[in-house]
């Protein structure tokens, strides 16, 4: 880092006291803390991974933190998104996160981007930052972040979480692999459930997010051995950490010598996704919650099929027959094809697959409950617990 930059980021007396535990470390020292103050880090998302990431980077003295988010705080976020509190429910996540960051460290400049990251805005947003940290939870945005980082020459500090397992790495460095080198193709739509469908241990994003924050600080300081060419696997249930070696793929379409991707593409289409949740391959007959309620109250002969897991059934149910989606092929003989069947899950994604499967197996009188049991709770029975 140029001397003039360090001079312009000289620490005040209060900052020297605040960062004193860094300053007495020879690996950081005054020069390292000035590098942190001069650094500009962009955090994609202020959710599970973004919460610990933003809090620790702010506390460490990163001078400029960019936050990209367009969501609002929900009660279901509070189990893991520790930057938000109960009082923040209903607020914009950006406002909530910025408020916490500023209360931790008033010397941090928070730059807010209230938008969904897209192919149209990613390169423009990335332009003014040194490092991009990926705290997203879906494949289209991960590929978008990766490609935008490679095309703009920015390091991509990657993390992902699901249930009890997490991953972390640093992509997009010179001579190092990118996300596409690890995952050349996305999984088929719907194969990997989201955290909303499969759950996540609330502490896990804290573990992985702090790893991402650590890697970010090491990159800024130019010290240590970053996770370049290495994929760190976290098993929280067994409390084990494993490491896989990664190599740069010479055939990679975005970071290889003969790359074929020179601009950002349509990542929803690349990942085979249409809309927010439902797999592109599933287009099935639906019934609205209000209509199902009316017909059940009228005593019509409708078989309600619940394709969730037993632990979900215990939280709330419609008194339907529980056959988890994974068991449906071997338990299909329990269903009467002459009866009208309405399948449901939490949000309508898994039950959509169930209806698609049953129709292919010859069932004709089968429909999906639009929006799942969440829509039922919203529009029919507000007293029903939501999860």
Protein backbone atom coordinates (compact mmCIF):
# COMPACT_ATOMS: atom_id res chain seq x y z
CA UNK A 1 0.00 0.00 0.00
CA UNK A 2 1.36 3.40 -0.94
CA UNK A 3 2.77 5.62 1.82
CA UNK A 4 0.44 8.47 0.82
CA UNK A 5 -2.56 6.20 1.38
CA UNK A 6 -1.35 5.28 4.85
CA UNK A 7 -0.83 8.92 5.74
CA UNK A 8 -4.34 9.80 4.59
CA UNK A 9 -5.67 7.02 6.82
CA UNK A 10 -3.74 8.05 9.93
CA UNK A 11 -5.37 6.92 13.16
CA UNK A 12 -6.75 9.38 15.68
CA UNK A 13 -5.98 9.13 19.38
CA UNK A 14 -9.36 7.47 19.98
CA UNK A 15 -8.78 4.97 17.18
CA UNK A 16 -5.36 4.06 18.56
CA UNK A 17 -7.01 3.25 21.89
CA UNK A 18 -9.87 1.35 20.20
CA UNK A 19 -7.54 -0.82 18.11
CA UNK A 20 -4.76 -1.13 20.69
CA UNK A 21 -4.97 -4.95 20.81
CA UNK A 22 -4.28 -4.99 17.08
CA UNK A 23 -1.53 -2.40 17.24
CA UNK A 24 0.57 -4.40 19.69
CA UNK A 25 0.53 -7.41 17.36
CA UNK A 26 3.52 -7.32 15.00
CA UNK A 27 1.43 -9.07 12.32
CA UNK A 28 -0.95 -6.07 12.31
CA UNK A 29 0.67 -3.06 13.94
CA UNK A 30 0.02 0.54 12.97
CA UNK A 31 0.56 -0.06 9.27
CA UNK A 32 -1.83 -3.02 9.23
CA UNK A 33 -4.53 -1.07 11.05
CA UNK A 34 -4.15 1.74 8.53
CA UNK A 35 -4.62 -0.84 5.75
CA UNK A 36 -7.83 -1.94 7.43
CA UNK A 37 -9.02 1.66 7.66
CA UNK A 38 -8.27 2.22 3.97
CA UNK A 39 -9.99 -1.03 2.89
CA UNK A 40 -13.32 -1.13 1.11
CA UNK A 41 -15.21 -4.41 1.55
CA UNK A 42 -18.55 -5.28 -0.04
CA UNK A 43 -20.83 -7.71 1.84
CA UNK A 44 -23.49 -9.39 -0.30
CA UNK A 45 -26.35 -10.00 2.13
CA UNK A 46 -26.92 -9.05 5.77
CA UNK A 47 -28.43 -12.35 6.82
CA UNK A 48 -26.94 -15.41 8.49
CA UNK A 49 -23.42 -15.10 7.08
CA UNK A 50 -23.54 -11.34 6.64
CA UNK A 51 -24.39 -10.73 10.30
CA UNK A 52 -21.19 -11.95 11.98
CA UNK A 53 -19.17 -10.90 8.96
CA UNK A 54 -20.28 -7.27 9.06
CA UNK A 55 -20.10 -7.03 12.85
CA UNK A 56 -16.53 -8.33 13.07
CA UNK A 57 -15.23 -6.40 10.07
CA UNK A 58 -16.68 -3.23 11.57
CA UNK A 59 -15.19 -3.96 14.99
CA UNK A 60 -11.82 -4.70 13.36
CA UNK A 61 -11.78 -1.25 11.76
CA UNK A 62 -12.46 -1.89 8.09
CA UNK A 63 -12.95 1.68 6.90
CA UNK A 64 -15.72 1.21 4.34
CA UNK A 65 -18.34 -1.52 4.41
CA UNK A 66 -20.74 -1.86 1.50
CA UNK A 67 -23.97 -3.75 2.22
CA UNK A 68 -26.20 -5.20 -0.50
CA UNK A 69 -29.67 -6.32 0.61
CA UNK A 70 -33.30 -5.73 -0.32
CA UNK A 71 -35.10 -7.81 2.32
CA UNK A 72 -36.85 -6.97 5.57
CA UNK A 73 -36.28 -8.55 8.98
CA UNK A 74 -38.57 -11.49 9.72
CA UNK A 75 -39.08 -13.41 12.98
CA UNK A 76 -37.60 -16.52 11.34
CA UNK A 77 -34.32 -14.62 10.79
CA UNK A 78 -33.65 -14.00 14.49
CA UNK A 79 -32.47 -17.53 15.26
CA UNK A 80 -29.23 -16.92 13.34
CA UNK A 81 -29.06 -13.36 11.93
CA UNK A 82 -27.59 -11.79 15.04
CA UNK A 83 -27.15 -8.32 13.59
CA UNK A 84 -30.95 -7.93 13.81
CA UNK A 85 -33.10 -7.87 16.96
CA UNK A 86 -36.75 -8.50 17.80
CA UNK A 87 -37.39 -4.77 17.63
CA UNK A 88 -36.16 -4.78 14.02
CA UNK A 89 -38.83 -7.15 12.70
CA UNK A 90 -40.46 -5.47 9.72
CA UNK A 91 -37.56 -3.04 9.20
CA UNK A 92 -35.30 -3.05 6.18
CA UNK A 93 -32.32 -5.26 6.88
CA UNK A 94 -30.02 -2.57 5.51
CA UNK A 95 -31.24 -0.04 8.05
CA UNK A 96 -31.05 -2.51 10.91
CA UNK A 97 -27.54 -3.70 9.98
CA UNK A 98 -26.19 -0.19 9.38
CA UNK A 99 -27.49 0.94 12.76
CA UNK A 100 -25.70 -1.92 14.57
CA UNK A 101 -22.47 -1.36 12.65
CA UNK A 102 -22.46 2.34 13.45
CA UNK A 103 -23.11 1.65 17.13
CA UNK A 104 -20.15 -0.76 17.24
CA UNK A 105 -17.75 1.50 15.36
CA UNK A 106 -18.63 5.07 14.34
CA UNK A 107 -15.40 5.25 12.31
CA UNK A 108 -16.80 2.83 9.70
CA UNK A 109 -18.40 4.31 6.59
CA UNK A 110 -21.45 2.19 5.69
CA UNK A 111 -22.51 2.30 2.04
CA UNK A 112 -25.99 0.87 1.45
CA UNK A 113 -27.25 -0.75 -1.75
CA UNK A 114 -30.95 -1.47 -1.35
CA UNK A 115 -31.30 -3.69 -4.39
CA UNK A 116 -31.26 -7.26 -5.55
CA UNK A 117 -27.82 -7.99 -7.02
CA UNK A 118 -28.23 -8.62 -10.74
CA UNK A 119 -26.30 -8.89 -13.97
CA UNK A 120 -27.28 -5.30 -14.67
CA UNK A 121 -25.80 -3.77 -11.51
CA UNK A 122 -23.13 -6.15 -10.15
CA UNK A 123 -20.10 -4.79 -12.01
CA UNK A 124 -21.12 -1.23 -11.25
CA UNK A 125 -21.51 -1.96 -7.53
CA UNK A 126 -18.27 -3.99 -7.31
CA UNK A 127 -16.24 -1.26 -9.00
CA UNK A 128 -15.55 0.81 -5.88
CA UNK A 129 -14.60 -2.07 -3.57
CA UNK A 130 -11.42 -4.05 -2.97
CA UNK A 131 -12.90 -7.34 -1.76
CA UNK A 132 -16.34 -8.93 -2.20
CA UNK A 133 -17.68 -11.30 0.46
CA UNK A 134 -20.46 -13.65 -0.63
CA UNK A 135 -23.08 -14.16 2.08
CA UNK A 136 -25.85 -15.30 -0.28
CA UNK A 137 -27.98 -18.42 -0.03
CA UNK A 138 -28.84 -19.35 -3.62
CA UNK A 139 -26.98 -20.68 -6.63
CA UNK A 140 -27.83 -17.98 -9.21
CA UNK A 141 -26.38 -15.24 -7.01
CA UNK A 142 -23.29 -17.30 -6.15
CA UNK A 143 -22.49 -17.75 -9.84
CA UNK A 144 -23.24 -14.08 -10.44
CA UNK A 145 -20.91 -12.97 -7.62
CA UNK A 146 -18.19 -15.32 -8.85
CA UNK A 147 -18.33 -14.17 -12.47
CA UNK A 148 -18.54 -10.49 -11.55
CA UNK A 149 -15.52 -10.87 -9.24
CA UNK A 150 -13.44 -12.62 -11.90
CA UNK A 151 -14.40 -10.12 -14.61
CA UNK A 152 -13.63 -7.16 -12.32
CA UNK A 153 -10.51 -8.66 -10.73
CA UNK A 154 -11.89 -8.72 -7.17
CA UNK A 155 -11.27 -11.48 -4.60
CA UNK A 156 -14.41 -13.45 -3.73
CA UNK A 157 -14.55 -14.63 -0.10
CA UNK A 158 -17.06 -17.46 -0.32
CA UNK A 159 -19.16 -19.15 2.33
CA UNK A 160 -22.23 -21.37 2.35
CA UNK A 161 -24.27 -23.15 5.02
CA UNK A 162 -26.94 -25.85 5.26
CA UNK A 163 -28.26 -27.61 8.34
CA UNK A 164 -25.08 -28.59 10.25
CA UNK A 165 -22.57 -28.16 7.41
CA UNK A 166 -20.69 -25.23 5.93
CA UNK A 167 -18.03 -24.37 3.37
CA UNK A 168 -15.56 -21.53 2.95
CA UNK A 169 -12.91 -20.59 0.40
CA UNK A 170 -11.34 -17.62 -1.38
CA UNK A 171 -11.97 -17.49 -5.11
CA UNK A 172 -10.89 -15.18 -7.90
CA UNK A 173 -7.27 -14.67 -6.81
CA UNK A 174 -4.46 -14.65 -9.36
CA UNK A 175 -3.55 -18.24 -10.30
CA UNK A 176 -6.25 -19.51 -7.94
CA UNK A 177 -9.52 -21.26 -8.81
CA UNK A 178 -12.94 -19.64 -8.96
CA UNK A 179 -16.33 -20.95 -7.87
CA UNK A 180 -16.93 -22.41 -11.34
CA UNK A 181 -13.72 -24.43 -11.04
CA UNK A 182 -15.31 -26.13 -8.02
CA UNK A 183 -18.87 -26.30 -9.38
CA UNK A 184 -18.82 -26.06 -13.20
CA UNK A 185 -22.57 -26.65 -13.37
CA UNK A 186 -25.33 -25.85 -10.87
CA UNK A 187 -27.32 -28.73 -9.37
CA UNK A 188 -30.69 -29.52 -10.95
CA UNK A 189 -33.39 -27.10 -9.73
CA UNK A 190 -34.91 -28.20 -6.45
CA UNK A 191 -32.33 -30.92 -5.76
CA UNK A 192 -30.64 -28.94 -2.98
CA UNK A 193 -33.25 -27.55 -0.56
CA UNK A 194 -32.90 -24.02 0.76
CA UNK A 195 -32.36 -23.26 4.44
CA UNK A 196 -36.05 -22.37 4.57
CA UNK A 197 -36.89 -25.93 3.49
CA UNK A 198 -34.07 -27.91 5.10
CA UNK A 199 -33.21 -25.73 8.09
CA UNK A 200 -29.89 -24.52 9.46
CA UNK A 201 -28.35 -24.65 12.92
CA UNK A 202 -28.46 -21.06 14.12
CA UNK A 203 -24.84 -21.05 15.30
CA UNK A 204 -23.44 -22.41 12.02
CA UNK A 205 -23.51 -19.12 10.06
CA UNK A 206 -21.61 -17.61 12.97
CA UNK A 207 -18.83 -20.17 12.51
CA UNK A 208 -18.64 -19.78 8.73
CA UNK A 209 -19.19 -16.01 8.73
CA UNK A 210 -16.31 -15.51 11.16
CA UNK A 211 -14.11 -17.65 8.91
CA UNK A 212 -15.04 -15.37 6.01
CA UNK A 213 -14.26 -12.28 8.13
CA UNK A 214 -10.89 -13.78 9.08
CA UNK A 215 -10.01 -14.47 5.45
CA UNK A 216 -11.05 -10.94 4.49
CA UNK A 217 -8.82 -9.37 7.12
CA UNK A 218 -5.88 -11.56 6.07
CA UNK A 219 -6.31 -10.43 2.47
CA UNK A 220 -6.34 -6.78 3.55
CA UNK A 221 -3.24 -7.20 5.72
CA UNK A 222 -1.45 -9.31 3.12
CA UNK A 223 -0.58 -11.70 5.90
CA UNK A 224 -1.09 -15.40 6.61
CA UNK A 225 -2.16 -18.24 4.34
CA UNK A 226 -5.57 -17.51 2.81
CA UNK A 227 -8.00 -20.20 1.67
CA UNK A 228 -6.89 -19.93 -1.96
CA UNK A 229 -6.93 -23.32 -3.66
CA UNK A 230 -8.48 -24.82 -0.54
CA UNK A 231 -12.07 -25.57 0.39
CA UNK A 232 -12.70 -25.69 4.14
CA UNK A 233 -15.54 -28.02 5.13
CA UNK A 234 -17.23 -27.47 8.49
CA UNK A 235 -19.21 -30.26 10.19
CA UNK A 236 -20.77 -28.62 13.24
CA UNK A 237 -22.56 -31.77 14.38
CA UNK A 238 -19.29 -33.68 14.62
CA UNK A 239 -17.27 -30.49 15.21
CA UNK A 240 -14.79 -31.47 12.52
CA UNK A 241 -12.97 -29.35 9.97
CA UNK A 242 -11.71 -30.91 6.75
CA UNK A 243 -9.90 -29.38 3.82
CA UNK A 244 -10.01 -30.19 0.13
CA UNK A 245 -7.38 -29.02 -2.33
CA UNK A 246 -8.75 -27.11 -5.30
CA UNK A 247 -7.05 -26.56 -8.63
CA UNK A 248 -7.71 -23.92 -11.22
CA UNK A 249 -9.59 -25.53 -14.09
CA UNK A 250 -7.78 -24.72 -17.37
CA UNK A 251 -11.11 -25.25 -19.17
CA UNK A 252 -13.04 -22.90 -16.88
CA UNK A 253 -15.28 -20.69 -19.04
CA UNK A 254 -14.77 -17.61 -16.88
CA UNK A 255 -11.25 -17.78 -15.37
CA UNK A 256 -9.48 -20.13 -17.80
CA UNK A 257 -7.01 -18.93 -20.47
CA UNK A 258 -9.58 -19.54 -23.22
CA UNK A 259 -12.61 -18.27 -21.37
CA UNK A 260 -15.91 -18.03 -23.20
CA UNK A 261 -17.73 -15.84 -20.67
CA UNK A 262 -16.82 -12.19 -21.14
CA UNK A 263 -19.92 -10.59 -19.67
CA UNK A 264 -22.54 -11.39 -17.06
CA UNK A 265 -25.32 -13.72 -18.17
CA UNK A 266 -28.86 -14.61 -17.06
CA UNK A 267 -28.10 -16.64 -13.93
CA UNK A 268 -31.68 -17.64 -13.20
CA UNK A 269 -31.79 -19.25 -16.64
CA UNK A 270 -28.30 -20.74 -16.18
CA UNK A 271 -29.49 -22.43 -12.97
CA UNK A 272 -32.77 -23.51 -14.58
CA UNK A 273 -34.91 -21.46 -12.21
CA UNK A 274 -38.12 -19.63 -12.99
CA UNK A 275 -39.48 -17.42 -10.26
CA UNK A 276 -38.28 -17.38 -6.68
CA UNK A 277 -38.82 -20.90 -5.42
CA UNK A 278 -40.51 -23.41 -7.67
CA UNK A 279 -38.39 -25.65 -9.91
CA UNK A 280 -38.82 -24.90 -13.60
CA UNK A 281 -39.81 -28.49 -14.32
CA UNK A 282 -42.86 -28.41 -12.04
CA UNK A 283 -46.06 -26.86 -13.39
CA UNK A 284 -49.03 -28.55 -11.73
CA UNK A 285 -52.72 -27.93 -11.00
CA UNK A 286 -53.24 -25.90 -7.84
CA UNK A 287 -55.95 -25.16 -5.34
CA UNK A 288 -56.03 -21.98 -3.25
CA UNK A 289 -56.19 -22.25 0.56
CA UNK A 290 -59.58 -20.52 0.76
CA UNK A 291 -61.14 -22.94 -1.73
CA UNK A 292 -59.74 -25.97 0.09
CA UNK A 293 -61.09 -24.65 3.39
CA UNK A 294 -64.56 -24.09 1.89
CA UNK A 295 -64.69 -27.55 0.36
CA UNK A 296 -63.45 -29.30 3.49
CA UNK A 297 -66.03 -27.44 5.59
CA UNK A 298 -68.71 -28.55 3.11
CA UNK A 299 -67.74 -32.16 3.81
CA UNK A 300 -66.39 -32.93 0.35
CA UNK A 301 -64.32 -36.09 0.04
CA UNK A 302 -60.80 -34.69 -0.29
CA UNK A 303 -57.69 -36.59 0.77
CA UNK A 304 -55.13 -34.15 2.24
CA UNK A 305 -51.59 -35.42 1.66
CA UNK A 306 -48.81 -33.88 3.75
CA UNK A 307 -45.39 -34.48 2.15
CA UNK A 308 -43.29 -32.74 4.82
CA UNK A 309 -41.06 -34.46 7.38
CA UNK A 310 -42.41 -35.83 10.71
CA UNK A 311 -40.72 -33.09 12.76
CA UNK A 312 -42.46 -30.47 10.62
CA UNK A 313 -45.82 -32.19 11.06
CA UNK A 314 -45.42 -31.83 14.83
CA UNK A 315 -45.12 -28.05 14.52
CA UNK A 316 -48.44 -27.63 12.70
CA UNK A 317 -50.62 -29.67 10.35
CA UNK A 318 -53.95 -29.85 8.53
CA UNK A 319 -54.78 -33.32 9.94
CA UNK A 320 -53.77 -34.82 6.63
CA UNK A 321 -52.00 -38.11 5.93
CA UNK A 322 -48.23 -37.72 6.40
CA UNK A 323 -46.12 -39.32 3.67
CA UNK A 324 -42.76 -37.51 3.33
CA UNK A 325 -41.79 -36.72 -0.23
CA UNK A 326 -38.81 -39.08 -0.10
CA UNK A 327 -41.11 -41.98 0.92
CA UNK A 328 -43.79 -41.30 -1.67
CA UNK A 329 -42.54 -43.70 -4.40
CA UNK A 330 -42.61 -46.71 -2.07
CA UNK A 331 -45.84 -45.72 -0.29
CA UNK A 332 -47.86 -44.72 -3.35
CA UNK A 333 -50.01 -47.83 -2.85
CA UNK A 334 -51.51 -46.14 0.23
CA UNK A 335 -53.22 -43.59 -2.03
CA UNK A 336 -56.56 -44.09 -3.77
CA UNK A 337 -56.35 -42.73 -7.31
CA UNK A 338 -60.16 -42.46 -7.50
CA UNK A 339 -60.25 -39.86 -4.68
CA UNK A 340 -59.38 -36.22 -5.07
CA UNK A 341 -55.98 -35.56 -3.49
CA UNK A 342 -54.59 -32.22 -2.34
CA UNK A 343 -50.88 -32.32 -1.51
CA UNK A 344 -49.16 -29.70 0.60
CA UNK A 345 -45.82 -28.93 2.22
CA UNK A 346 -44.45 -25.80 3.89
CA UNK A 347 -44.43 -23.45 0.91
CA UNK A 348 -45.65 -25.51 -2.05
CA UNK A 349 -42.31 -26.52 -3.57
CA UNK A 350 -42.02 -30.12 -2.36
CA UNK A 351 -45.74 -30.77 -2.78
CA UNK A 352 -45.45 -29.46 -6.34
CA UNK A 353 -42.90 -32.19 -6.98
CA UNK A 354 -45.19 -34.72 -5.32
CA UNK A 355 -48.12 -33.74 -7.55
CA UNK A 356 -45.88 -33.89 -10.62
CA UNK A 357 -44.69 -37.38 -9.61
CA UNK A 358 -48.20 -38.65 -8.90
CA UNK A 359 -49.58 -37.32 -12.18
CA UNK A 360 -46.80 -39.07 -14.06
CA UNK A 361 -47.76 -42.24 -12.16
CA UNK A 362 -51.33 -42.00 -13.44
CA UNK A 363 -53.09 -39.99 -10.72
CA UNK A 364 -55.39 -37.46 -12.37
CA UNK A 365 -57.36 -36.01 -9.46
CA UNK A 366 -54.44 -34.47 -7.60
CA UNK A 367 -53.66 -30.80 -6.91
CA UNK A 368 -51.05 -28.77 -5.07
CA UNK A 369 -52.02 -26.42 -2.22
CA UNK A 370 -50.76 -23.07 -3.50
CA UNK A 371 -48.29 -21.53 -1.06
CA UNK A 372 -48.38 -24.54 1.23
CA UNK A 373 -49.21 -24.45 4.91
CA UNK A 374 -47.65 -20.99 5.16
CA UNK A 375 -50.37 -19.62 2.87
CA UNK A 376 -52.98 -21.51 4.89
CA UNK A 377 -51.73 -19.83 8.08
CA UNK A 378 -51.72 -16.41 6.40
CA UNK A 379 -55.09 -16.61 4.68
CA UNK A 380 -57.21 -19.19 6.51
CA UNK A 381 -55.99 -19.78 10.07
CA UNK A 382 -53.89 -16.92 11.51
CA UNK A 383 -53.59 -18.80 14.82
CA UNK A 384 -51.59 -21.58 13.17
CA UNK A 385 -47.84 -21.43 13.99
CA UNK A 386 -45.52 -20.54 11.11
CA UNK A 387 -41.95 -21.73 10.73
